[in-house]
N, C-alpha and C. Protein backbone atom coordinates (compact mmCIF):
# COMPACT_ATOMS: atom_id res chain seq x y z
N MET A 1 0.86 -1.18 0.00
CA MET A 1 0.00 0.00 0.00
C MET A 1 0.91 1.24 0.00
N ASP A 2 0.78 2.05 -1.03
CA ASP A 2 1.65 3.22 -1.10
C ASP A 2 0.91 4.50 -0.67
N ARG A 3 1.68 5.57 -0.51
CA ARG A 3 1.14 6.82 -0.01
C ARG A 3 0.08 7.39 -0.95
N GLN A 4 0.29 7.25 -2.25
CA GLN A 4 -0.66 7.78 -3.24
C GLN A 4 -2.02 7.09 -3.10
N PHE A 5 -2.01 5.78 -2.86
CA PHE A 5 -3.27 5.06 -2.68
C PHE A 5 -4.00 5.56 -1.44
N ILE A 6 -3.26 5.76 -0.35
CA ILE A 6 -3.86 6.25 0.90
C ILE A 6 -4.43 7.64 0.68
N LEU A 7 -3.70 8.50 -0.04
CA LEU A 7 -4.20 9.84 -0.35
C LEU A 7 -5.51 9.75 -1.14
N SER A 8 -5.60 8.84 -2.09
CA SER A 8 -6.82 8.71 -2.89
C SER A 8 -8.01 8.27 -2.03
N VAL A 9 -7.76 7.38 -1.07
CA VAL A 9 -8.82 6.92 -0.16
C VAL A 9 -9.31 8.08 0.69
N VAL A 10 -8.39 8.82 1.31
CA VAL A 10 -8.75 9.95 2.17
C VAL A 10 -9.49 11.01 1.35
N THR A 11 -8.98 11.31 0.16
CA THR A 11 -9.60 12.32 -0.71
C THR A 11 -11.02 11.92 -1.08
N ARG A 12 -11.22 10.66 -1.43
CA ARG A 12 -12.55 10.19 -1.82
C ARG A 12 -13.54 10.35 -0.67
N HIS A 13 -13.13 9.97 0.53
CA HIS A 13 -14.02 10.09 1.69
C HIS A 13 -14.27 11.56 2.05
N LEU A 14 -13.28 12.39 1.86
CA LEU A 14 -13.45 13.82 2.13
C LEU A 14 -14.44 14.43 1.14
N LEU A 15 -14.32 14.08 -0.13
CA LEU A 15 -15.24 14.60 -1.14
C LEU A 15 -16.67 14.11 -0.90
N ASP A 16 -16.80 12.89 -0.37
CA ASP A 16 -18.13 12.37 -0.04
C ASP A 16 -18.74 13.11 1.15
N ALA A 17 -17.90 13.47 2.11
CA ALA A 17 -18.38 14.06 3.36
C ALA A 17 -18.69 15.55 3.25
N VAL A 18 -17.96 16.27 2.42
CA VAL A 18 -18.11 17.73 2.36
C VAL A 18 -18.82 18.12 1.07
N ASP A 19 -20.01 18.69 1.23
CA ASP A 19 -20.77 19.15 0.06
C ASP A 19 -20.04 20.31 -0.61
N ASP A 20 -20.16 20.38 -1.90
CA ASP A 20 -19.62 21.50 -2.69
C ASP A 20 -18.11 21.65 -2.64
N LEU A 21 -17.40 20.59 -2.28
CA LEU A 21 -15.94 20.65 -2.31
C LEU A 21 -15.49 20.25 -3.71
N ASP A 22 -14.80 21.15 -4.37
CA ASP A 22 -14.33 20.92 -5.73
C ASP A 22 -13.02 20.14 -5.69
N PRO A 23 -12.98 18.96 -6.31
CA PRO A 23 -11.74 18.16 -6.30
C PRO A 23 -10.54 18.94 -6.83
N ALA A 24 -10.77 19.85 -7.77
CA ALA A 24 -9.67 20.63 -8.36
C ALA A 24 -9.08 21.61 -7.35
N GLN A 25 -9.85 21.99 -6.35
CA GLN A 25 -9.38 22.94 -5.36
C GLN A 25 -8.89 22.28 -4.07
N LEU A 26 -8.81 20.97 -4.09
CA LEU A 26 -8.38 20.22 -2.91
C LEU A 26 -6.88 20.42 -2.70
N ASP A 27 -6.53 21.07 -1.61
CA ASP A 27 -5.13 21.34 -1.28
C ASP A 27 -4.79 20.54 -0.03
N THR A 28 -3.89 19.57 -0.18
CA THR A 28 -3.59 18.67 0.94
C THR A 28 -2.75 19.33 2.03
N THR A 29 -2.29 20.56 1.80
CA THR A 29 -1.56 21.26 2.86
C THR A 29 -2.53 21.99 3.79
N MET A 30 -3.82 21.97 3.43
CA MET A 30 -4.84 22.61 4.26
C MET A 30 -5.48 21.58 5.20
N SER A 31 -6.09 22.09 6.25
CA SER A 31 -6.82 21.19 7.16
C SER A 31 -8.18 20.89 6.54
N MET A 32 -8.80 19.80 7.01
CA MET A 32 -10.14 19.47 6.52
C MET A 32 -11.13 20.57 6.92
N LYS A 33 -10.91 21.14 8.09
CA LYS A 33 -11.78 22.22 8.55
C LYS A 33 -11.71 23.41 7.59
N ASP A 34 -10.50 23.76 7.16
CA ASP A 34 -10.32 24.87 6.20
C ASP A 34 -11.00 24.58 4.87
N LEU A 35 -11.19 23.30 4.56
CA LEU A 35 -11.83 22.92 3.31
C LEU A 35 -13.35 22.79 3.47
N GLY A 36 -13.86 23.12 4.65
CA GLY A 36 -15.31 23.12 4.86
C GLY A 36 -15.87 21.96 5.65
N ALA A 37 -15.01 21.09 6.16
CA ALA A 37 -15.49 19.95 6.94
C ALA A 37 -15.75 20.38 8.39
N ASN A 38 -16.86 19.90 8.95
CA ASN A 38 -17.10 20.14 10.38
C ASN A 38 -16.52 18.97 11.16
N SER A 39 -16.60 19.02 12.47
CA SER A 39 -15.95 17.99 13.28
C SER A 39 -16.52 16.60 13.01
N LEU A 40 -17.83 16.50 12.76
CA LEU A 40 -18.41 15.19 12.43
C LEU A 40 -17.90 14.67 11.09
N ASP A 41 -17.77 15.57 10.12
CA ASP A 41 -17.23 15.18 8.82
C ASP A 41 -15.82 14.62 8.96
N ILE A 42 -15.02 15.30 9.78
CA ILE A 42 -13.62 14.89 9.96
C ILE A 42 -13.56 13.49 10.58
N VAL A 43 -14.36 13.27 11.62
CA VAL A 43 -14.40 11.95 12.27
C VAL A 43 -14.81 10.88 11.24
N GLU A 44 -15.81 11.21 10.43
CA GLU A 44 -16.29 10.26 9.43
C GLU A 44 -15.21 9.95 8.39
N VAL A 45 -14.53 10.97 7.90
CA VAL A 45 -13.48 10.78 6.90
C VAL A 45 -12.37 9.90 7.47
N VAL A 46 -11.93 10.21 8.68
CA VAL A 46 -10.83 9.45 9.29
C VAL A 46 -11.26 8.01 9.56
N SER A 47 -12.47 7.82 10.14
CA SER A 47 -12.90 6.45 10.45
C SER A 47 -13.11 5.61 9.20
N ARG A 48 -13.73 6.20 8.19
CA ARG A 48 -13.95 5.45 6.95
C ARG A 48 -12.63 5.09 6.28
N SER A 49 -11.70 6.03 6.31
CA SER A 49 -10.39 5.76 5.70
C SER A 49 -9.67 4.64 6.43
N MET A 50 -9.68 4.71 7.77
CA MET A 50 -9.00 3.65 8.54
C MET A 50 -9.67 2.30 8.32
N ARG A 51 -11.00 2.30 8.27
CA ARG A 51 -11.73 1.05 8.06
C ARG A 51 -11.39 0.46 6.69
N GLU A 52 -11.40 1.29 5.67
CA GLU A 52 -11.11 0.80 4.32
C GLU A 52 -9.67 0.29 4.21
N LEU A 53 -8.75 1.00 4.86
CA LEU A 53 -7.34 0.62 4.79
C LEU A 53 -6.97 -0.48 5.79
N LYS A 54 -7.94 -0.80 6.66
CA LYS A 54 -7.73 -1.84 7.70
C LYS A 54 -6.56 -1.51 8.61
N ILE A 55 -6.52 -0.24 9.07
CA ILE A 55 -5.50 0.18 10.03
C ILE A 55 -6.16 0.95 11.16
N LYS A 56 -5.49 0.91 12.31
CA LYS A 56 -6.00 1.63 13.48
C LYS A 56 -4.92 2.58 13.97
N VAL A 57 -5.35 3.80 14.28
CA VAL A 57 -4.43 4.82 14.78
C VAL A 57 -5.01 5.35 16.08
N PRO A 58 -4.19 5.44 17.13
CA PRO A 58 -4.68 5.99 18.40
C PRO A 58 -5.16 7.43 18.24
N ARG A 59 -6.22 7.78 18.96
CA ARG A 59 -6.76 9.14 18.87
C ARG A 59 -5.73 10.19 19.25
N SER A 60 -4.85 9.85 20.17
CA SER A 60 -3.82 10.82 20.59
C SER A 60 -2.93 11.20 19.41
N GLU A 61 -2.68 10.25 18.52
CA GLU A 61 -1.87 10.53 17.32
C GLU A 61 -2.66 11.42 16.36
N LEU A 62 -3.94 11.13 16.20
CA LEU A 62 -4.78 11.89 15.28
C LEU A 62 -4.96 13.33 15.73
N ALA A 63 -4.99 13.55 17.04
CA ALA A 63 -5.23 14.89 17.58
C ALA A 63 -4.12 15.87 17.21
N ARG A 64 -2.94 15.35 16.93
CA ARG A 64 -1.79 16.21 16.63
C ARG A 64 -1.72 16.66 15.18
N LEU A 65 -2.58 16.13 14.33
CA LEU A 65 -2.50 16.43 12.91
C LEU A 65 -3.06 17.81 12.59
N SER A 66 -2.44 18.46 11.60
CA SER A 66 -2.91 19.81 11.25
C SER A 66 -3.40 19.92 9.82
N ASN A 67 -3.09 18.92 8.98
CA ASN A 67 -3.56 18.99 7.59
C ASN A 67 -3.72 17.60 6.99
N ILE A 68 -4.20 17.55 5.76
CA ILE A 68 -4.47 16.28 5.10
C ILE A 68 -3.18 15.51 4.84
N ASP A 69 -2.12 16.21 4.46
CA ASP A 69 -0.83 15.54 4.26
C ASP A 69 -0.38 14.82 5.53
N GLY A 70 -0.58 15.47 6.67
CA GLY A 70 -0.20 14.85 7.94
C GLY A 70 -0.98 13.57 8.20
N LEU A 71 -2.27 13.60 7.89
CA LEU A 71 -3.10 12.40 8.06
C LEU A 71 -2.63 11.29 7.14
N VAL A 72 -2.39 11.62 5.89
CA VAL A 72 -1.95 10.62 4.92
C VAL A 72 -0.59 10.03 5.33
N ASP A 73 0.33 10.89 5.76
CA ASP A 73 1.65 10.41 6.21
C ASP A 73 1.51 9.47 7.41
N LEU A 74 0.66 9.85 8.37
CA LEU A 74 0.46 9.01 9.55
C LEU A 74 -0.15 7.67 9.16
N LEU A 75 -1.18 7.67 8.33
CA LEU A 75 -1.81 6.42 7.90
C LEU A 75 -0.80 5.55 7.14
N PHE A 76 0.04 6.19 6.34
CA PHE A 76 1.05 5.45 5.58
C PHE A 76 2.07 4.80 6.52
N GLU A 77 2.55 5.56 7.50
CA GLU A 77 3.52 5.01 8.46
C GLU A 77 2.92 3.85 9.25
N VAL A 78 1.70 4.03 9.72
CA VAL A 78 1.03 2.98 10.50
C VAL A 78 0.81 1.74 9.64
N SER A 79 0.45 1.94 8.38
CA SER A 79 0.23 0.79 7.50
C SER A 79 1.51 -0.01 7.30
N LYS A 80 2.65 0.69 7.21
CA LYS A 80 3.93 -0.01 7.05
C LYS A 80 4.26 -0.82 8.31
N VAL A 81 4.03 -0.22 9.48
CA VAL A 81 4.32 -0.91 10.74
C VAL A 81 3.41 -2.14 10.89
N GLN A 82 2.12 -1.96 10.60
CA GLN A 82 1.18 -3.06 10.76
C GLN A 82 1.42 -4.16 9.73
N ALA A 83 1.91 -3.80 8.55
CA ALA A 83 2.21 -4.82 7.52
C ALA A 83 3.40 -5.67 7.96
N LYS A 84 4.40 -5.03 8.60
CA LYS A 84 5.56 -5.77 9.08
C LYS A 84 5.17 -6.71 10.21
N ALA A 85 4.22 -6.28 11.04
CA ALA A 85 3.80 -7.08 12.20
C ALA A 85 2.94 -8.27 11.79
N ALA A 86 2.32 -8.17 10.63
CA ALA A 86 1.39 -9.23 10.19
C ALA A 86 2.13 -10.45 9.66
C-alpha cells in the first residue's frame, strides 16, 4: 500500500463528506476544517479511511494532525508498521 493510494482513499471520503468541495481545489496542505469539513465530517473521513485501509491509529496521534498531508503520512507510516507485524 503506497502513499498515493492512501491519499486517494482519504480524498474520496473527504469529497463524499463535504458538500460543494471541488476536487480541483483540494489542497492537501490545508486542514479538513479549512476545506469546509465540520468535526463530524472529519471523524467520518478518518474512520472510513482507517476502516477501508484496515489500520488503526490511536486518537492521541490523530489529535496532533494539522492537515491532510499529515493524516496521509500518519496512515502510511502505520500501514507499514502493521504490515511488518502481520
